[in-house]
PDB file of N, CA and C in Angstrom:
ATOM      1  N   MET A   1     -67.625  -1.444   3.631  1.00  0.00           N
ATOM      2  CA  MET A   1     -67.702  -2.740   2.964  1.00  0.00           C
ATOM      3  C   MET A   1     -66.352  -3.443   3.077  1.00  0.00           C
ATOM      4  N   LYS A   2     -66.319  -4.672   3.556  1.00  0.00           N
ATOM      5  CA  LYS A   2     -65.104  -5.460   3.698  1.00  0.00           C
ATOM      6  C   LYS A   2     -64.978  -6.414   2.519  1.00  0.00           C
ATOM      7  N   ALA A   3     -63.965  -6.203   1.721  1.00  0.00           N
ATOM      8  CA  ALA A   3     -63.754  -7.048   0.549  1.00  0.00           C
ATOM      9  C   ALA A   3     -62.924  -8.258   0.946  1.00  0.00           C
ATOM     10  N   ASN A   4     -63.431  -9.425   0.684  1.00  0.00           N
ATOM     11  CA  ASN A   4     -62.754 -10.687   0.913  1.00  0.00           C
ATOM     12  C   ASN A   4     -62.271 -10.869   2.352  1.00  0.00           C
ATOM     13  N   SER A   5     -62.895 -10.243   3.308  1.00  0.00           N
ATOM     14  CA  SER A   5     -62.442 -10.388   4.682  1.00  0.00           C
ATOM     15  C   SER A   5     -62.674 -11.802   5.195  1.00  0.00           C
ATOM     16  N   GLU A   6     -63.655 -12.479   4.650  1.00  0.00           N
ATOM     17  CA  GLU A   6     -63.918 -13.846   5.094  1.00  0.00           C
ATOM     18  C   GLU A   6     -62.905 -14.821   4.516  1.00  0.00           C
ATOM     19  N   ASN A   7     -62.398 -14.537   3.312  1.00  0.00           N
ATOM     20  CA  ASN A   7     -61.475 -15.439   2.640  1.00  0.00           C
ATOM     21  C   ASN A   7     -60.008 -15.107   2.925  1.00  0.00           C
ATOM     22  N   SER A   8     -59.750 -13.943   3.488  1.00  0.00           N
ATOM     23  CA  SER A   8     -58.384 -13.508   3.692  1.00  0.00           C
ATOM     24  C   SER A   8     -57.929 -13.811   5.111  1.00  0.00           C
ATOM     25  N   ASP A   9     -56.783 -14.447   5.213  1.00  0.00           N
ATOM     26  CA  ASP A   9     -56.195 -14.734   6.523  1.00  0.00           C
ATOM     27  C   ASP A   9     -54.884 -13.971   6.601  1.00  0.00           C
ATOM     28  N   PRO A  10     -54.780 -12.943   7.465  1.00  0.00           N
ATOM     29  CA  PRO A  10     -53.560 -12.138   7.510  1.00  0.00           C
ATOM     30  C   PRO A  10     -52.328 -12.956   7.880  1.00  0.00           C
ATOM     31  N   ARG A  11     -52.495 -14.074   8.532  1.00  0.00           N
ATOM     32  CA  ARG A  11     -51.349 -14.898   8.905  1.00  0.00           C
ATOM     33  C   ARG A  11     -50.689 -15.541   7.693  1.00  0.00           C
ATOM     34  N   THR A  12     -51.417 -15.754   6.612  1.00  0.00           N
ATOM     35  CA  THR A  12     -50.837 -16.383   5.422  1.00  0.00           C
ATOM     36  C   THR A  12     -50.032 -15.404   4.588  1.00  0.00           C
ATOM     37  N   ASP A  13     -50.163 -14.103   4.848  1.00  0.00           N
ATOM     38  CA  ASP A  13     -49.423 -13.097   4.104  1.00  0.00           C
ATOM     39  C   ASP A  13     -48.016 -12.886   4.664  1.00  0.00           C
ATOM     40  N   LEU A  14     -47.694 -13.520   5.759  1.00  0.00           N
ATOM     41  CA  LEU A  14     -46.396 -13.359   6.388  1.00  0.00           C
ATOM     42  C   LEU A  14     -45.377 -14.305   5.769  1.00  0.00           C
ATOM     43  N   PRO A  15     -44.099 -13.920   5.771  1.00  0.00           N
ATOM     44  CA  PRO A  15     -43.071 -14.845   5.280  1.00  0.00           C
ATOM     45  C   PRO A  15     -42.959 -16.026   6.233  1.00  0.00           C
ATOM     46  N   PRO A  16     -42.385 -17.130   5.778  1.00  0.00           N
ATOM     47  CA  PRO A  16     -42.246 -18.290   6.660  1.00  0.00           C
ATOM     48  C   PRO A  16     -41.379 -17.939   7.864  1.00  0.00           C
ATOM     49  N   PRO A  17     -41.576 -18.621   8.968  1.00  0.00           N
ATOM     50  CA  PRO A  17     -40.779 -18.310  10.162  1.00  0.00           C
ATOM     51  C   PRO A  17     -39.300 -18.610   9.927  1.00  0.00           C
ATOM     52  N   ILE A  18     -38.451 -17.861  10.602  1.00  0.00           N
ATOM     53  CA  ILE A  18     -37.002 -18.046  10.498  1.00  0.00           C
ATOM     54  C   ILE A  18     -36.597 -19.174  11.429  1.00  0.00           C
ATOM     55  N   GLU A  19     -35.864 -20.108  10.893  1.00  0.00           N
ATOM     56  CA  GLU A  19     -35.360 -21.208  11.700  1.00  0.00           C
ATOM     57  C   GLU A  19     -34.135 -20.735  12.470  1.00  0.00           C
ATOM     58  N   ALA A  20     -33.877 -21.331  13.598  1.00  0.00           N
ATOM     59  CA  ALA A  20     -32.742 -20.932  14.438  1.00  0.00           C
ATOM     60  C   ALA A  20     -31.420 -21.039  13.683  1.00  0.00           C
ATOM     61  N   GLY A  21     -31.265 -22.003  12.828  1.00  0.00           N
ATOM     62  CA  GLY A  21     -30.026 -22.191  12.081  1.00  0.00           C
ATOM     63  C   GLY A  21     -29.822 -21.173  10.971  1.00  0.00           C
ATOM     64  N   ASP A  22     -30.871 -20.420  10.617  1.00  0.00           N
ATOM     65  CA  ASP A  22     -30.768 -19.437   9.541  1.00  0.00           C
ATOM     66  C   ASP A  22     -30.143 -18.127   9.995  1.00  0.00           C
ATOM     67  N   LEU A  23     -30.101 -17.875  11.272  1.00  0.00           N
ATOM     68  CA  LEU A  23     -29.573 -16.624  11.784  1.00  0.00           C
ATOM     69  C   LEU A  23     -28.058 -16.706  11.967  1.00  0.00           C
ATOM     70  N   VAL A  24     -27.390 -15.627  11.623  1.00  0.00           N
ATOM     71  CA  VAL A  24     -25.951 -15.543  11.838  1.00  0.00           C
ATOM     72  C   VAL A  24     -25.744 -14.541  12.963  1.00  0.00           C
ATOM     73  N   PRO A  25     -25.193 -14.969  14.079  1.00  0.00           N
ATOM     74  CA  PRO A  25     -24.984 -14.020  15.174  1.00  0.00           C
ATOM     75  C   PRO A  25     -24.002 -12.935  14.747  1.00  0.00           C
ATOM     76  N   PRO A  26     -24.226 -11.688  15.202  1.00  0.00           N
ATOM     77  CA  PRO A  26     -23.333 -10.600  14.794  1.00  0.00           C
ATOM     78  C   PRO A  26     -21.864 -10.888  15.069  1.00  0.00           C
ATOM     79  N   ALA A  27     -21.558 -11.608  16.108  1.00  0.00           N
ATOM     80  CA  ALA A  27     -20.170 -11.914  16.425  1.00  0.00           C
ATOM     81  C   ALA A  27     -19.533 -12.821  15.368  1.00  0.00           C
ATOM     82  N   ALA A  28     -20.348 -13.570  14.613  1.00  0.00           N
ATOM     83  CA  ALA A  28     -19.823 -14.489  13.603  1.00  0.00           C
ATOM     84  C   ALA A  28     -19.539 -13.790  12.273  1.00  0.00           C
ATOM     85  N   ILE A  29     -20.040 -12.566  12.101  1.00  0.00           N
ATOM     86  CA  ILE A  29     -19.795 -11.829  10.868  1.00  0.00           C
ATOM     87  C   ILE A  29     -18.377 -11.287  10.909  1.00  0.00           C
ATOM     88  N   GLN A  30     -17.628 -11.582   9.876  1.00  0.00           N
ATOM     89  CA  GLN A  30     -16.224 -11.193   9.826  1.00  0.00           C
ATOM     90  C   GLN A  30     -16.047 -10.036   8.837  1.00  0.00           C
ATOM     91  N   TRP A  31     -15.672  -8.882   9.342  1.00  0.00           N
ATOM     92  CA  TRP A  31     -15.438  -7.716   8.500  1.00  0.00           C
ATOM     93  C   TRP A  31     -13.987  -7.717   8.026  1.00  0.00           C
ATOM     94  N   VAL A  32     -13.805  -7.397   6.758  1.00  0.00           N
ATOM     95  CA  VAL A  32     -12.494  -7.441   6.126  1.00  0.00           C
ATOM     96  C   VAL A  32     -12.260  -6.140   5.360  1.00  0.00           C
ATOM     97  N   VAL A  33     -11.066  -5.591   5.514  1.00  0.00           N
ATOM     98  CA  VAL A  33     -10.608  -4.466   4.707  1.00  0.00           C
ATOM     99  C   VAL A  33      -9.645  -5.048   3.686  1.00  0.00           C
ATOM    100  N   TYR A  34      -9.758  -4.621   2.440  1.00  0.00           N
ATOM    101  CA  TYR A  34      -8.938  -5.241   1.395  1.00  0.00           C
ATOM    102  C   TYR A  34      -8.368  -4.192   0.448  1.00  0.00           C
ATOM    103  N   LEU A  35      -7.315  -4.583  -0.240  1.00  0.00           N
ATOM    104  CA  LEU A  35      -6.716  -3.780  -1.309  1.00  0.00           C
ATOM    105  C   LEU A  35      -6.697  -4.615  -2.575  1.00  0.00           C
ATOM    106  N   LEU A  36      -7.116  -4.004  -3.663  1.00  0.00           N
ATOM    107  CA  LEU A  36      -7.054  -4.647  -4.971  1.00  0.00           C
ATOM    108  C   LEU A  36      -6.022  -3.924  -5.813  1.00  0.00           C
ATOM    109  N   GLU A  37      -5.302  -4.675  -6.625  1.00  0.00           N
ATOM    110  CA  GLU A  37      -4.438  -4.074  -7.626  1.00  0.00           C
ATOM    111  C   GLU A  37      -5.167  -4.146  -8.954  1.00  0.00           C
ATOM    112  N   CYS A  38      -5.327  -3.007  -9.590  1.00  0.00           N
ATOM    113  CA  CYS A  38      -6.028  -2.938 -10.871  1.00  0.00           C
ATOM    114  C   CYS A  38      -5.050  -3.185 -12.015  1.00  0.00           C
ATOM    115  N   VAL A  39      -5.581  -3.407 -13.197  1.00  0.00           N
ATOM    116  CA  VAL A  39      -4.756  -3.730 -14.358  1.00  0.00           C
ATOM    117  C   VAL A  39      -3.781  -2.596 -14.687  1.00  0.00           C
ATOM    118  N   ASP A  40      -4.135  -1.356 -14.341  1.00  0.00           N
ATOM    119  CA  ASP A  40      -3.241  -0.226 -14.608  1.00  0.00           C
ATOM    120  C   ASP A  40      -2.218  -0.005 -13.490  1.00  0.00           C
ATOM    121  N   GLY A  41      -2.204  -0.902 -12.490  1.00  0.00           N
ATOM    122  CA  GLY A  41      -1.256  -0.805 -11.396  1.00  0.00           C
ATOM    123  C   GLY A  41      -1.747   0.008 -10.211  1.00  0.00           C
ATOM    124  N   SER A  42      -2.906   0.654 -10.348  1.00  0.00           N
ATOM    125  CA  SER A  42      -3.433   1.437  -9.233  1.00  0.00           C
ATOM    126  C   SER A  42      -3.976   0.506  -8.155  1.00  0.00           C
ATOM    127  N   LEU A  43      -4.137   1.050  -6.961  1.00  0.00           N
ATOM    128  CA  LEU A  43      -4.621   0.278  -5.816  1.00  0.00           C
ATOM    129  C   LEU A  43      -5.981   0.804  -5.384  1.00  0.00           C
ATOM    130  N   TYR A  44      -6.882  -0.103  -5.064  1.00  0.00           N
ATOM    131  CA  TYR A  44      -8.234   0.242  -4.632  1.00  0.00           C
ATOM    132  C   TYR A  44      -8.485  -0.375  -3.266  1.00  0.00           C
ATOM    133  N   ALA A  45      -8.939   0.428  -2.310  1.00  0.00           N
ATOM    134  CA  ALA A  45      -9.237  -0.063  -0.961  1.00  0.00           C
ATOM    135  C   ALA A  45     -10.744  -0.180  -0.786  1.00  0.00           C
ATOM    136  N   GLY A  46     -11.154  -1.243  -0.095  1.00  0.00           N
ATOM    137  CA  GLY A  46     -12.569  -1.440   0.185  1.00  0.00           C
ATOM    138  C   GLY A  46     -12.750  -2.247   1.454  1.00  0.00           C
ATOM    139  N   MET A  47     -14.013  -2.447   1.830  1.00  0.00           N
ATOM    140  CA  MET A  47     -14.337  -3.254   3.002  1.00  0.00           C
ATOM    141  C   MET A  47     -15.606  -4.045   2.727  1.00  0.00           C
ATOM    142  N   THR A  48     -15.721  -5.181   3.377  1.00  0.00           N
ATOM    143  CA  THR A  48     -16.886  -6.032   3.177  1.00  0.00           C
ATOM    144  C   THR A  48     -16.969  -7.045   4.308  1.00  0.00           C
ATOM    145  N   ASN A  49     -18.115  -7.694   4.408  1.00  0.00           N
ATOM    146  CA  ASN A  49     -18.230  -8.823   5.332  1.00  0.00           C
ATOM    147  C   ASN A  49     -18.400 -10.126   4.550  1.00  0.00           C
ATOM    148  N   ARG A  50     -18.254 -10.053   3.233  1.00  0.00           N
ATOM    149  CA  ARG A  50     -18.324 -11.229   2.358  1.00  0.00           C
ATOM    150  C   ARG A  50     -17.264 -11.063   1.269  1.00  0.00           C
ATOM    151  N   LEU A  51     -16.022 -11.353   1.611  1.00  0.00           N
ATOM    152  CA  LEU A  51     -14.902 -11.048   0.726  1.00  0.00           C
ATOM    153  C   LEU A  51     -15.004 -11.749  -0.622  1.00  0.00           C
ATOM    154  N   GLN A  52     -15.246 -13.036  -0.641  1.00  0.00           N
ATOM    155  CA  GLN A  52     -15.301 -13.755  -1.924  1.00  0.00           C
ATOM    156  C   GLN A  52     -16.419 -13.209  -2.815  1.00  0.00           C
ATOM    157  N   HIS A  53     -17.565 -12.939  -2.242  1.00  0.00           N
ATOM    158  CA  HIS A  53     -18.687 -12.378  -3.008  1.00  0.00           C
ATOM    159  C   HIS A  53     -18.323 -11.003  -3.559  1.00  0.00           C
ATOM    160  N   ARG A  54     -17.678 -10.192  -2.739  1.00  0.00           N
ATOM    161  CA  ARG A  54     -17.291  -8.848  -3.169  1.00  0.00           C
ATOM    162  C   ARG A  54     -16.255  -8.917  -4.292  1.00  0.00           C
ATOM    163  N   LEU A  55     -15.317  -9.835  -4.203  1.00  0.00           N
ATOM    164  CA  LEU A  55     -14.331  -9.995  -5.273  1.00  0.00           C
ATOM    165  C   LEU A  55     -15.008 -10.391  -6.580  1.00  0.00           C
ATOM    166  N   GLN A  56     -15.982 -11.282  -6.489  1.00  0.00           N
ATOM    167  CA  GLN A  56     -16.724 -11.676  -7.686  1.00  0.00           C
ATOM    168  C   GLN A  56     -17.451 -10.478  -8.288  1.00  0.00           C
ATOM    169  N   GLN A  57     -18.014  -9.626  -7.414  1.00  0.00           N
ATOM    170  CA  GLN A  57     -18.676  -8.417  -7.910  1.00  0.00           C
ATOM    171  C   GLN A  57     -17.678  -7.510  -8.627  1.00  0.00           C
ATOM    172  N   HIS A  58     -16.505  -7.329  -8.035  1.00  0.00           N
ATOM    173  CA  HIS A  58     -15.480  -6.497  -8.678  1.00  0.00           C
ATOM    174  C   HIS A  58     -15.112  -7.065 -10.038  1.00  0.00           C
ATOM    175  N   LEU A  59     -14.850  -8.356 -10.097  1.00  0.00           N
ATOM    176  CA  LEU A  59     -14.433  -8.981 -11.357  1.00  0.00           C
ATOM    177  C   LEU A  59     -15.523  -8.936 -12.416  1.00  0.00           C
ATOM    178  N   ALA A  60     -16.777  -8.900 -11.976  1.00  0.00           N
ATOM    179  CA  ALA A  60     -17.906  -8.808 -12.909  1.00  0.00           C
ATOM    180  C   ALA A  60     -18.196  -7.360 -13.309  1.00  0.00           C
ATOM    181  N   GLY A  61     -17.465  -6.410 -12.731  1.00  0.00           N
ATOM    182  CA  GLY A  61     -17.685  -5.006 -13.050  1.00  0.00           C
ATOM    183  C   GLY A  61     -18.896  -4.408 -12.371  1.00  0.00           C
ATOM    184  N   LYS A  62     -19.358  -5.016 -11.283  1.00  0.00           N
ATOM    185  CA  LYS A  62     -20.572  -4.559 -10.614  1.00  0.00           C
ATOM    186  C   LYS A  62     -20.328  -3.990  -9.220  1.00  0.00           C
ATOM    187  N   ALA A  63     -19.079  -3.862  -8.804  1.00  0.00           N
ATOM    188  CA  ALA A  63     -18.809  -3.433  -7.430  1.00  0.00           C
ATOM    189  C   ALA A  63     -18.547  -1.937  -7.325  1.00  0.00           C
ATOM    190  N   SER A  64     -17.727  -1.391  -8.194  1.00  0.00           N
ATOM    191  CA  SER A  64     -17.427   0.034  -8.130  1.00  0.00           C
ATOM    192  C   SER A  64     -17.101   0.548  -9.521  1.00  0.00           C
ATOM    193  N   ARG A  65     -17.399   1.795  -9.724  1.00  0.00           N
ATOM    194  CA  ARG A  65     -17.118   2.425 -11.016  1.00  0.00           C
ATOM    195  C   ARG A  65     -15.603   2.453 -11.273  1.00  0.00           C
ATOM    196  N   TYR A  66     -14.824   2.684 -10.195  1.00  0.00           N
ATOM    197  CA  TYR A  66     -13.372   2.773 -10.333  1.00  0.00           C
ATOM    198  C   TYR A  66     -12.788   1.461 -10.856  1.00  0.00           C
ATOM    199  N   THR A  67     -13.124   0.343 -10.218  1.00  0.00           N
ATOM    200  CA  THR A  67     -12.534  -0.929 -10.643  1.00  0.00           C
ATOM    201  C   THR A  67     -13.138  -1.424 -11.954  1.00  0.00           C
ATOM    202  N   ARG A  68     -14.376  -1.064 -12.234  1.00  0.00           N
ATOM    203  CA  ARG A  68     -15.016  -1.491 -13.483  1.00  0.00           C
ATOM    204  C   ARG A  68     -14.204  -1.037 -14.692  1.00  0.00           C
ATOM    205  N   ALA A  69     -13.603   0.156 -14.590  1.00  0.00           N
ATOM    206  CA  ALA A  69     -12.824   0.701 -15.705  1.00  0.00           C
ATOM    207  C   ALA A  69     -11.389   0.190 -15.712  1.00  0.00           C
ATOM    208  N   ARG A  70     -11.021  -0.638 -14.728  1.00  0.00           N
ATOM    209  CA  ARG A  70      -9.631  -1.081 -14.598  1.00  0.00           C
ATOM    210  C   ARG A  70      -9.531  -2.593 -14.393  1.00  0.00           C
ATOM    211  N   LEU A  71     -10.382  -3.335 -15.058  1.00  0.00           N
ATOM    212  CA  LEU A  71     -10.391  -4.795 -14.917  1.00  0.00           C
ATOM    213  C   LEU A  71      -9.279  -5.413 -15.755  1.00  0.00           C
ATOM    214  N   PRO A  72      -8.774  -6.550 -15.371  1.00  0.00           N
ATOM    215  CA  PRO A  72      -9.121  -7.322 -14.171  1.00  0.00           C
ATOM    216  C   PRO A  72      -8.393  -6.762 -12.940  1.00  0.00           C
ATOM    217  N   VAL A  73      -8.932  -7.104 -11.781  1.00  0.00           N
ATOM    218  CA  VAL A  73      -8.323  -6.706 -10.518  1.00  0.00           C
ATOM    219  C   VAL A  73      -7.825  -7.947  -9.798  1.00  0.00           C
ATOM    220  N   LYS A  74      -6.887  -7.724  -8.875  1.00  0.00           N
ATOM    221  CA  LYS A  74      -6.301  -8.848  -8.132  1.00  0.00           C
ATOM    222  C   LYS A  74      -6.248  -8.460  -6.659  1.00  0.00           C
ATOM    223  N   LEU A  75      -6.690  -9.357  -5.797  1.00  0.00           N
ATOM    224  CA  LEU A  75      -6.611  -9.126  -4.364  1.00  0.00           C
ATOM    225  C   LEU A  75      -5.147  -9.203  -3.941  1.00  0.00           C
ATOM    226  N   VAL A  76      -4.639  -8.127  -3.328  1.00  0.00           N
ATOM    227  CA  VAL A  76      -3.236  -8.127  -2.905  1.00  0.00           C
ATOM    228  C   VAL A  76      -3.089  -7.992  -1.392  1.00  0.00           C
ATOM    229  N   TYR A  77      -4.168  -7.632  -0.690  1.00  0.00           N
ATOM    230  CA  TYR A  77      -4.085  -7.455   0.756  1.00  0.00           C
ATOM    231  C   TYR A  77      -5.475  -7.589   1.361  1.00  0.00           C
ATOM    232  N   SER A  78      -5.551  -8.255   2.498  1.00  0.00           N
ATOM    233  CA  SER A  78      -6.800  -8.292   3.262  1.00  0.00           C
ATOM    234  C   SER A  78      -6.459  -8.345   4.740  1.00  0.00           C
ATOM    235  N   GLU A  79      -7.323  -7.743   5.522  1.00  0.00           N
ATOM    236  CA  GLU A  79      -7.098  -7.627   6.960  1.00  0.00           C
ATOM    237  C   GLU A  79      -8.445  -7.765   7.670  1.00  0.00           C
ATOM    238  N   VAL A  80      -8.550  -8.730   8.562  1.00  0.00           N
ATOM    239  CA  VAL A  80      -9.771  -8.923   9.337  1.00  0.00           C
ATOM    240  C   VAL A  80      -9.772  -7.916  10.483  1.00  0.00           C
ATOM    241  N   VAL A  81     -10.914  -7.259  10.669  1.00  0.00           N
ATOM    242  CA  VAL A  81     -11.055  -6.276  11.742  1.00  0.00           C
ATOM    243  C   VAL A  81     -12.220  -6.682  12.645  1.00  0.00           C
ATOM    244  N   ALA A  82     -12.340  -6.005  13.774  1.00  0.00           N
ATOM    245  CA  ALA A  82     -13.288  -6.411  14.815  1.00  0.00           C
ATOM    246  C   ALA A  82     -14.748  -6.296  14.406  1.00  0.00           C
ATOM    247  N   ASP A  83     -15.124  -5.195  13.762  1.00  0.00           N
ATOM    248  CA  ASP A  83     -16.532  -4.973  13.430  1.00  0.00           C
ATOM    249  C   ASP A  83     -16.636  -3.969  12.283  1.00  0.00           C
ATOM    250  N   ARG A  84     -17.873  -3.634  11.894  1.00  0.00           N
ATOM    251  CA  ARG A  84     -18.101  -2.730  10.767  1.00  0.00           C
ATOM    252  C   ARG A  84     -17.479  -1.360  11.017  1.00  0.00           C
ATOM    253  N   SER A  85     -17.617  -0.869  12.223  1.00  0.00           N
ATOM    254  CA  SER A  85     -17.062   0.434  12.573  1.00  0.00           C
ATOM    255  C   SER A  85     -15.540   0.444  12.405  1.00  0.00           C
ATOM    256  N   ALA A  86     -14.887  -0.595  12.881  1.00  0.00           N
ATOM    257  CA  ALA A  86     -13.435  -0.705  12.730  1.00  0.00           C
ATOM    258  C   ALA A  86     -13.060  -0.819  11.252  1.00  0.00           C
ATOM    259  N   ALA A  87     -13.873  -1.516  10.467  1.00  0.00           N
ATOM    260  CA  ALA A  87     -13.606  -1.654   9.033  1.00  0.00           C
ATOM    261  C   ALA A  87     -13.694  -0.302   8.337  1.00  0.00           C
ATOM    262  N   LEU A  88     -14.703   0.491   8.679  1.00  0.00           N
ATOM    263  CA  LEU A  88     -14.838   1.819   8.087  1.00  0.00           C
ATOM    264  C   LEU A  88     -13.638   2.700   8.422  1.00  0.00           C
ATOM    265  N   ARG A  89     -13.208   2.648   9.679  1.00  0.00           N
ATOM    266  CA  ARG A  89     -12.060   3.453  10.095  1.00  0.00           C
ATOM    267  C   ARG A  89     -10.778   2.998   9.404  1.00  0.00           C
ATOM    268  N   ARG A  90     -10.566   1.693   9.339  1.00  0.00           N
ATOM    269  CA  ARG A  90      -9.341   1.161   8.724  1.00  0.00           C
ATOM    270  C   ARG A  90      -9.314   1.441   7.225  1.00  0.00           C
ATOM    271  N   GLU A  91     -10.451   1.279   6.555  1.00  0.00           N
ATOM    272  CA  GLU A  91     -10.523   1.578   5.123  1.00  0.00           C
ATOM    273  C   GLU A  91     -10.175   3.048   4.887  1.00  0.00           C
ATOM    274  N   ALA A  92     -10.734   3.948   5.683  1.00  0.00           N
ATOM    275  CA  ALA A  92     -10.447   5.377   5.535  1.00  0.00           C
ATOM    276  C   ALA A  92      -8.970   5.656   5.777  1.00  0.00           C
ATOM    277  N   ALA A  93      -8.392   4.990   6.771  1.00  0.00           N
ATOM    278  CA  ALA A  93      -6.970   5.185   7.058  1.00  0.00           C
ATOM    279  C   ALA A  93      -6.105   4.713   5.895  1.00  0.00           C
ATOM    280  N   ILE A  94      -6.442   3.580   5.306  1.00  0.00           N
ATOM    281  CA  ILE A  94      -5.670   3.055   4.166  1.00  0.00           C
ATOM    282  C   ILE A  94      -5.825   3.978   2.966  1.00  0.00           C
ATOM    283  N   LYS A  95      -7.029   4.486   2.736  1.00  0.00           N
ATOM    284  CA  LYS A  95      -7.242   5.391   1.602  1.00  0.00           C
ATOM    285  C   LYS A  95      -6.449   6.686   1.752  1.00  0.00           C
ATOM    286  N   ARG A  96      -6.173   7.093   2.984  1.00  0.00           N
ATOM    287  CA  ARG A  96      -5.380   8.311   3.221  1.00  0.00           C
ATOM    288  C   ARG A  96      -3.886   8.097   2.990  1.00  0.00           C
ATOM    289  N   LEU A  97      -3.450   6.844   2.951  1.00  0.00           N
ATOM    290  CA  LEU A  97      -2.029   6.557   2.745  1.00  0.00           C
ATOM    291  C   LEU A  97      -1.612   6.939   1.331  1.00  0.00           C
ATOM    292  N   SER A  98      -0.367   7.362   1.203  1.00  0.00           N
ATOM    293  CA  SER A  98       0.191   7.612  -0.130  1.00  0.00           C
ATOM    294  C   SER A  98       0.460   6.260  -0.792  1.00  0.00           C
ATOM    295  N   ARG A  99       0.713   6.286  -2.084  1.00  0.00           N
ATOM    296  CA  ARG A  99       1.011   5.030  -2.790  1.00  0.00           C
ATOM    297  C   ARG A  99       2.231   4.327  -2.193  1.00  0.00           C
ATOM    298  N   PRO A 100       3.354   5.039  -1.924  1.00  0.00           N
ATOM    299  CA  PRO A 100       4.496   4.350  -1.306  1.00  0.00           C
ATOM    300  C   PRO A 100       4.141   3.736   0.057  1.00  0.00           C
ATOM    301  N   GLN A 101       3.303   4.394   0.825  1.00  0.00           N
ATOM    302  CA  GLN A 101       2.902   3.841   2.121  1.00  0.00           C
ATOM    303  C   GLN A 101       2.041   2.588   1.931  1.00  0.00           C
ATOM    304  N   LYS A 102       1.171   2.601   0.926  1.00  0.00           N
ATOM    305  CA  LYS A 102       0.354   1.410   0.641  1.00  0.00           C
ATOM    306  C   LYS A 102       1.248   0.256   0.190  1.00  0.00           C
ATOM    307  N   LEU A 103       2.240   0.557  -0.615  1.00  0.00           N
ATOM    308  CA  LEU A 103       3.163  -0.491  -1.058  1.00  0.00           C
ATOM    309  C   LEU A 103       3.972  -1.032   0.114  1.00  0.00           C
ATOM    310  N   ALA A 104       4.317  -0.171   1.070  1.00  0.00           N
ATOM    311  CA  ALA A 104       5.029  -0.625   2.269  1.00  0.00           C
ATOM    312  C   ALA A 104       4.132  -1.553   3.092  1.00  0.00           C
ATOM    313  N   LEU A 105       2.844  -1.239   3.141  1.00  0.00           N
ATOM    314  CA  LEU A 105       1.885  -2.111   3.831  1.00  0.00           C
ATOM    315  C   LEU A 105       1.862  -3.487   3.163  1.00  0.00           C
ATOM    316  N   LEU A 106       1.869  -3.500   1.844  1.00  0.00           N
ATOM    317  CA  LEU A 106       1.900  -4.769   1.108  1.00  0.00           C
ATOM    318  C   LEU A 106       3.216  -5.506   1.329  1.00  0.00           C
ATOM    319  N   ALA A 107       4.302  -4.744   1.435  1.00  0.00           N
ATOM    320  CA  ALA A 107       5.623  -5.361   1.602  1.00  0.00           C
ATOM    321  C   ALA A 107       5.707  -6.134   2.911  1.00  0.00           C
ATOM    322  N   ARG A 108       5.024  -5.639   3.936  1.00  0.00           N
ATOM    323  CA  ARG A 108       5.026  -6.357   5.211  1.00  0.00           C
ATOM    324  C   ARG A 108       4.291  -7.682   5.091  1.00  0.00           C
ATOM    325  N   MET A 109       3.356  -7.747   4.162  1.00  0.00           N
ATOM    326  CA  MET A 109       2.576  -8.969   3.989  1.00  0.00           C
ATOM    327  C   MET A 109       3.235  -9.926   2.998  1.00  0.00           C
ATOM    328  N   GLU A 110       3.749  -9.381   1.896  1.00  0.00           N
ATOM    329  CA  GLU A 110       4.328 -10.210   0.835  1.00  0.00           C
ATOM    330  C   GLU A 110       5.561  -9.526   0.243  1.00  0.00           C
ATOM    331  N   PRO A 111       6.716  -9.611   0.915  1.00  0.00           N
ATOM    332  CA  PRO A 111       7.900  -8.862   0.485  1.00  0.00           C
ATOM    333  C   PRO A 111       8.412  -9.215  -0.900  1.00  0.00           C
ATOM    334  N   GLU A 112       8.274 -10.444  -1.336  1.00  0.00           N
ATOM    335  CA  GLU A 112       8.826 -10.830  -2.639  1.00  0.00           C
ATOM    336  C   GLU A 112       8.059 -10.218  -3.800  1.00  0.00           C
ATOM    337  N   SER A 113       6.794  -9.850  -3.613  1.00  0.00           N
ATOM    338  CA  SER A 113       6.007  -9.329  -4.728  1.00  0.00           C
ATOM    339  C   SER A 113       6.174  -7.825  -4.897  1.00  0.00           C
ATOM    340  N   LEU A 114       6.737  -7.133  -3.918  1.00  0.00           N
ATOM    341  CA  LEU A 114       6.881  -5.686  -3.994  1.00  0.00           C
ATOM    342  C   LEU A 114       7.854  -5.269  -5.096  1.00  0.00           C
ATOM    343  N   ALA A 115       8.901  -6.043  -5.322  1.00  0.00           N
ATOM    344  CA  ALA A 115       9.918  -5.676  -6.301  1.00  0.00           C
ATOM    345  C   ALA A 115       9.345  -5.554  -7.707  1.00  0.00           C
ATOM    346  N   ALA A 116       8.299  -6.296  -7.999  1.00  0.00           N
ATOM    347  CA  ALA A 116       7.720  -6.274  -9.340  1.00  0.00           C
ATOM    348  C   ALA A 116       6.725  -5.136  -9.527  1.00  0.00           C
ATOM    349  N   ARG A 117       6.400  -4.384  -8.472  1.00  0.00           N
ATOM    350  CA  ARG A 117       5.398  -3.322  -8.555  1.00  0.00           C
ATOM    351  C   ARG A 117       6.064  -1.986  -8.885  1.00  0.00           C
ATOM    352  N   PRO A 118       5.423  -1.201  -9.764  1.00  0.00           N
ATOM    353  CA  PRO A 118       5.961   0.137 -10.038  1.00  0.00           C
ATOM    354  C   PRO A 118       5.723   1.037  -8.838  1.00  0.00           C
ATOM    355  N   ALA A 119       6.623   1.984  -8.600  1.00  0.00           N
ATOM    356  CA  ALA A 119       6.499   2.888  -7.437  1.00  0.00           C
ATOM    357  C   ALA A 119       5.544   4.022  -7.674  1.00  0.00           C
TER     358      ALA A 119
END
């Protein structure tokens, strides 16, 4: 027995077609590795392809358990990388750095702000 087969059109159950302007080519996606300074002075490394959105998530306490307990956070470093794979590798490399090495990385970007940071 076919229920409602006469009234049902499978084509109407599909989402609307995607317009050409709605697609973002993979080459246009920009991957970013970032460092946040937490309220307790600790540093948090992460990666994203939507930096502003990710920062908003962190500030709202919805991005990571670590930063949620250390709000507010401040973006202190960001680095654009080639693709997601490079972002994963760079994030892992930054996380392996000691605190003095991370501060040295920040010093290359913003030397005047390093003096105010605890070692």
